[in-house]
Amino acid sequence: MLGWAITFLVVALVAAVFGFGGIAIASVGIAKILFFVFIVLFIITLVARAVRG
C-alpha cells in the first residue's frame, strides 16, 4: 500500500511539472489517503504485536 502512495505521489509530481493541475491535485489526494491508511494499519499492527507479546 505504501508503494501505491509513492506511485500516486510521483504521478502528481510529474503532472504538476507538465501543468496538469487537476490530475496533480487528484493524485496528491489519493497519495495522502493511502499514506494515512498505511500509517493507521502500521500502528494497529504494532499494537497487536505488542499485546500478543
PDB file of N, CA and C in Angstrom:
ATOM      1  N   MET A   1       0.820  -1.186   0.000  1.00  0.00           N
ATOM      2  CA  MET A   1       0.000   0.000   0.000  1.00  0.00           C
ATOM      3  C   MET A   1       0.866   1.254   0.000  1.00  0.00           C
ATOM      4  N   LEU A   2       1.988   1.176   0.695  1.00  0.00           N
ATOM      5  CA  LEU A   2       2.904   2.317   0.676  1.00  0.00           C
ATOM      6  C   LEU A   2       3.442   2.544  -0.735  1.00  0.00           C
ATOM      7  N   GLY A   3       3.607   1.466  -1.475  1.00  0.00           N
ATOM      8  CA  GLY A   3       4.051   1.576  -2.869  1.00  0.00           C
ATOM      9  C   GLY A   3       3.054   2.349  -3.725  1.00  0.00           C
ATOM     10  N   TRP A   4       1.762   2.095  -3.483  1.00  0.00           N
ATOM     11  CA  TRP A   4       0.727   2.826  -4.223  1.00  0.00           C
ATOM     12  C   TRP A   4       0.758   4.312  -3.877  1.00  0.00           C
ATOM     13  N   ALA A   5       0.963   4.625  -2.608  1.00  0.00           N
ATOM     14  CA  ALA A   5       1.022   6.027  -2.191  1.00  0.00           C
ATOM     15  C   ALA A   5       2.199   6.732  -2.862  1.00  0.00           C
ATOM     16  N   ILE A   6       3.338   6.062  -2.913  1.00  0.00           N
ATOM     17  CA  ILE A   6       4.512   6.650  -3.568  1.00  0.00           C
ATOM     18  C   ILE A   6       4.271   6.801  -5.062  1.00  0.00           C
ATOM     19  N   THR A   7       3.601   5.806  -5.667  1.00  0.00           N
ATOM     20  CA  THR A   7       3.295   5.891  -7.102  1.00  0.00           C
ATOM     21  C   THR A   7       2.416   7.093  -7.406  1.00  0.00           C
ATOM     22  N   PHE A   8       1.363   7.288  -6.626  1.00  0.00           N
ATOM     23  CA  PHE A   8       0.477   8.436  -6.859  1.00  0.00           C
ATOM     24  C   PHE A   8       1.190   9.755  -6.591  1.00  0.00           C
ATOM     25  N   LEU A   9       2.108   9.764  -5.632  1.00  0.00           N
ATOM     26  CA  LEU A   9       2.887  10.976  -5.378  1.00  0.00           C
ATOM     27  C   LEU A   9       3.766  11.315  -6.575  1.00  0.00           C
ATOM     28  N   VAL A  10       4.398  10.309  -7.160  1.00  0.00           N
ATOM     29  CA  VAL A  10       5.240  10.537  -8.343  1.00  0.00           C
ATOM     30  C   VAL A  10       4.388  11.010  -9.513  1.00  0.00           C
ATOM     31  N   VAL A  11       3.214  10.397  -9.692  1.00  0.00           N
ATOM     32  CA  VAL A  11       2.304  10.835 -10.760  1.00  0.00           C
ATOM     33  C   VAL A  11       1.907  12.289 -10.551  1.00  0.00           C
ATOM     34  N   ALA A  12       1.641  12.656  -9.309  1.00  0.00           N
ATOM     35  CA  ALA A  12       1.260  14.040  -9.010  1.00  0.00           C
ATOM     36  C   ALA A  12       2.400  14.997  -9.316  1.00  0.00           C
ATOM     37  N   LEU A  13       3.621  14.614  -8.963  1.00  0.00           N
ATOM     38  CA  LEU A  13       4.766  15.490  -9.237  1.00  0.00           C
ATOM     39  C   LEU A  13       4.992  15.665 -10.740  1.00  0.00           C
ATOM     40  N   VAL A  14       4.891  14.572 -11.489  1.00  0.00           N
ATOM     41  CA  VAL A  14       5.062  14.657 -12.944  1.00  0.00           C
ATOM     42  C   VAL A  14       3.958  15.501 -13.561  1.00  0.00           C
ATOM     43  N   ALA A  15       2.723  15.303 -13.110  1.00  0.00           N
ATOM     44  CA  ALA A  15       1.599  16.084 -13.634  1.00  0.00           C
ATOM     45  C   ALA A  15       1.766  17.563 -13.300  1.00  0.00           C
ATOM     46  N   ALA A  16       2.279  17.856 -12.113  1.00  0.00           N
ATOM     47  CA  ALA A  16       2.482  19.255 -11.725  1.00  0.00           C
ATOM     48  C   ALA A  16       3.554  19.907 -12.587  1.00  0.00           C
ATOM     49  N   VAL A  17       4.597  19.151 -12.917  1.00  0.00           N
ATOM     50  CA  VAL A  17       5.669  19.700 -13.758  1.00  0.00           C
ATOM     51  C   VAL A  17       5.136  20.055 -15.131  1.00  0.00           C
ATOM     52  N   PHE A  18       4.253  19.207 -15.671  1.00  0.00           N
ATOM     53  CA  PHE A  18       3.727  19.458 -17.008  1.00  0.00           C
ATOM     54  C   PHE A  18       2.495  20.351 -17.013  1.00  0.00           C
ATOM     55  N   GLY A  19       2.037  20.791 -15.851  1.00  0.00           N
ATOM     56  CA  GLY A  19       0.955  21.763 -15.782  1.00  0.00           C
ATOM     57  C   GLY A  19      -0.439  21.190 -15.772  1.00  0.00           C
ATOM     58  N   PHE A  20      -0.584  19.903 -15.488  1.00  0.00           N
ATOM     59  CA  PHE A  20      -1.911  19.298 -15.412  1.00  0.00           C
ATOM     60  C   PHE A  20      -2.406  19.414 -13.974  1.00  0.00           C
ATOM     61  N   GLY A  21      -3.007  20.546 -13.642  1.00  0.00           N
ATOM     62  CA  GLY A  21      -3.395  20.832 -12.264  1.00  0.00           C
ATOM     63  C   GLY A  21      -4.406  19.874 -11.691  1.00  0.00           C
ATOM     64  N   GLY A  22      -5.428  19.535 -12.456  1.00  0.00           N
ATOM     65  CA  GLY A  22      -6.469  18.641 -11.951  1.00  0.00           C
ATOM     66  C   GLY A  22      -5.945  17.256 -11.635  1.00  0.00           C
ATOM     67  N   ILE A  23      -5.121  16.728 -12.523  1.00  0.00           N
ATOM     68  CA  ILE A  23      -4.539  15.400 -12.305  1.00  0.00           C
ATOM     69  C   ILE A  23      -3.605  15.433 -11.109  1.00  0.00           C
ATOM     70  N   ALA A  24      -2.830  16.485 -10.971  1.00  0.00           N
ATOM     71  CA  ALA A  24      -1.888  16.597  -9.859  1.00  0.00           C
ATOM     72  C   ALA A  24      -2.631  16.653  -8.528  1.00  0.00           C
ATOM     73  N   ILE A  25      -3.686  17.436  -8.475  1.00  0.00           N
ATOM     74  CA  ILE A  25      -4.455  17.566  -7.230  1.00  0.00           C
ATOM     75  C   ILE A  25      -5.107  16.237  -6.859  1.00  0.00           C
ATOM     76  N   ALA A  26      -5.671  15.551  -7.845  1.00  0.00           N
ATOM     77  CA  ALA A  26      -6.312  14.264  -7.580  1.00  0.00           C
ATOM     78  C   ALA A  26      -5.290  13.232  -7.118  1.00  0.00           C
ATOM     79  N   SER A  27      -4.139  13.203  -7.745  1.00  0.00           N
ATOM     80  CA  SER A  27      -3.108  12.234  -7.370  1.00  0.00           C
ATOM     81  C   SER A  27      -2.555  12.507  -5.980  1.00  0.00           C
ATOM     82  N   VAL A  28      -2.388  13.769  -5.643  1.00  0.00           N
ATOM     83  CA  VAL A  28      -1.913  14.105  -4.299  1.00  0.00           C
ATOM     84  C   VAL A  28      -2.948  13.680  -3.262  1.00  0.00           C
ATOM     85  N   GLY A  29      -4.207  13.898  -3.553  1.00  0.00           N
ATOM     86  CA  GLY A  29      -5.260  13.487  -2.634  1.00  0.00           C
ATOM     87  C   GLY A  29      -5.265  11.983  -2.400  1.00  0.00           C
ATOM     88  N   ILE A  30      -5.142  11.220  -3.479  1.00  0.00           N
ATOM     89  CA  ILE A  30      -5.104   9.763  -3.362  1.00  0.00           C
ATOM     90  C   ILE A  30      -3.866   9.325  -2.594  1.00  0.00           C
ATOM     91  N   ALA A  31      -2.734   9.943  -2.874  1.00  0.00           N
ATOM     92  CA  ALA A  31      -1.487   9.591  -2.186  1.00  0.00           C
ATOM     93  C   ALA A  31      -1.603   9.874  -0.684  1.00  0.00           C
ATOM     94  N   LYS A  32      -2.223  10.987  -0.324  1.00  0.00           N
ATOM     95  CA  LYS A  32      -2.393  11.313   1.096  1.00  0.00           C
ATOM     96  C   LYS A  32      -3.279  10.292   1.792  1.00  0.00           C
ATOM     97  N   ILE A  33      -4.385   9.952   1.159  1.00  0.00           N
ATOM     98  CA  ILE A  33      -5.305   8.981   1.753  1.00  0.00           C
ATOM     99  C   ILE A  33      -4.611   7.635   1.953  1.00  0.00           C
ATOM    100  N   LEU A  34      -3.918   7.152   0.917  1.00  0.00           N
ATOM    101  CA  LEU A  34      -3.232   5.866   1.026  1.00  0.00           C
ATOM    102  C   LEU A  34      -2.138   5.910   2.078  1.00  0.00           C
ATOM    103  N   PHE A  35      -1.437   7.021   2.179  1.00  0.00           N
ATOM    104  CA  PHE A  35      -0.372   7.142   3.167  1.00  0.00           C
ATOM    105  C   PHE A  35      -0.935   7.058   4.580  1.00  0.00           C
ATOM    106  N   PHE A  36      -2.022   7.773   4.849  1.00  0.00           N
ATOM    107  CA  PHE A  36      -2.603   7.755   6.184  1.00  0.00           C
ATOM    108  C   PHE A  36      -3.219   6.393   6.509  1.00  0.00           C
ATOM    109  N   VAL A  37      -3.808   5.730   5.517  1.00  0.00           N
ATOM    110  CA  VAL A  37      -4.316   4.375   5.737  1.00  0.00           C
ATOM    111  C   VAL A  37      -3.158   3.440   6.084  1.00  0.00           C
ATOM    112  N   PHE A  38      -2.045   3.581   5.379  1.00  0.00           N
ATOM    113  CA  PHE A  38      -0.869   2.772   5.664  1.00  0.00           C
ATOM    114  C   PHE A  38      -0.370   3.016   7.084  1.00  0.00           C
ATOM    115  N   ILE A  39      -0.306   4.263   7.506  1.00  0.00           N
ATOM    116  CA  ILE A  39       0.164   4.598   8.851  1.00  0.00           C
ATOM    117  C   ILE A  39      -0.769   3.999   9.909  1.00  0.00           C
ATOM    118  N   VAL A  40      -2.080   4.098   9.714  1.00  0.00           N
ATOM    119  CA  VAL A  40      -3.041   3.548  10.669  1.00  0.00           C
ATOM    120  C   VAL A  40      -2.884   2.030  10.767  1.00  0.00           C
ATOM    121  N   LEU A  41      -2.765   1.354   9.620  1.00  0.00           N
ATOM    122  CA  LEU A  41      -2.582  -0.092   9.641  1.00  0.00           C
ATOM    123  C   LEU A  41      -1.269  -0.481  10.310  1.00  0.00           C
ATOM    124  N   PHE A  42      -0.235   0.304  10.103  1.00  0.00           N
ATOM    125  CA  PHE A  42       1.054   0.049  10.725  1.00  0.00           C
ATOM    126  C   PHE A  42       0.953   0.163  12.246  1.00  0.00           C
ATOM    127  N   ILE A  43       0.270   1.195  12.728  1.00  0.00           N
ATOM    128  CA  ILE A  43       0.112   1.386  14.171  1.00  0.00           C
ATOM    129  C   ILE A  43      -0.726   0.255  14.771  1.00  0.00           C
ATOM    130  N   ILE A  44      -1.789  -0.143  14.080  1.00  0.00           N
ATOM    131  CA  ILE A  44      -2.622  -1.256  14.560  1.00  0.00           C
ATOM    132  C   ILE A  44      -1.795  -2.535  14.648  1.00  0.00           C
ATOM    133  N   THR A  45      -0.966  -2.774  13.650  1.00  0.00           N
ATOM    134  CA  THR A  45      -0.108  -3.951  13.662  1.00  0.00           C
ATOM    135  C   THR A  45       0.879  -3.908  14.823  1.00  0.00           C
ATOM    136  N   LEU A  46       1.473  -2.742  15.080  1.00  0.00           N
ATOM    137  CA  LEU A  46       2.393  -2.625  16.208  1.00  0.00           C
ATOM    138  C   LEU A  46       1.709  -2.893  17.534  1.00  0.00           C
ATOM    139  N   VAL A  47       0.516  -2.351  17.717  1.00  0.00           N
ATOM    140  CA  VAL A  47      -0.224  -2.552  18.961  1.00  0.00           C
ATOM    141  C   VAL A  47      -0.612  -4.024  19.112  1.00  0.00           C
ATOM    142  N   ALA A  48      -1.088  -4.649  18.051  1.00  0.00           N
ATOM    143  CA  ALA A  48      -1.482  -6.054  18.115  1.00  0.00           C
ATOM    144  C   ALA A  48      -0.286  -6.940  18.438  1.00  0.00           C
ATOM    145  N   ARG A  49       0.853  -6.631  17.873  1.00  0.00           N
ATOM    146  CA  ARG A  49       2.060  -7.412  18.136  1.00  0.00           C
ATOM    147  C   ARG A  49       2.523  -7.219  19.581  1.00  0.00           C
ATOM    148  N   ALA A  50       2.406  -6.005  20.104  1.00  0.00           N
ATOM    149  CA  ALA A  50       2.809  -5.738  21.485  1.00  0.00           C
ATOM    150  C   ALA A  50       1.878  -6.444  22.473  1.00  0.00           C
ATOM    151  N   VAL A  51       0.595  -6.509  22.150  1.00  0.00           N
ATOM    152  CA  VAL A  51      -0.367  -7.154  23.026  1.00  0.00           C
ATOM    153  C   VAL A  51      -0.131  -8.668  23.055  1.00  0.00           C
ATOM    154  N   ARG A  52       0.165  -9.242  21.892  1.00  0.00           N
ATOM    155  CA  ARG A  52       0.394 -10.687  21.827  1.00  0.00           C
ATOM    156  C   ARG A  52       1.727 -11.085  22.446  1.00  0.00           C
ATOM    157  N   GLY A  53       2.633 -10.157  22.532  1.00  0.00           N
ATOM    158  CA  GLY A  53       3.889 -10.412  23.230  1.00  0.00           C
ATOM    159  C   GLY A  53       4.981 -10.871  22.353  1.00  0.00           C
TER     160      GLY A  53
END
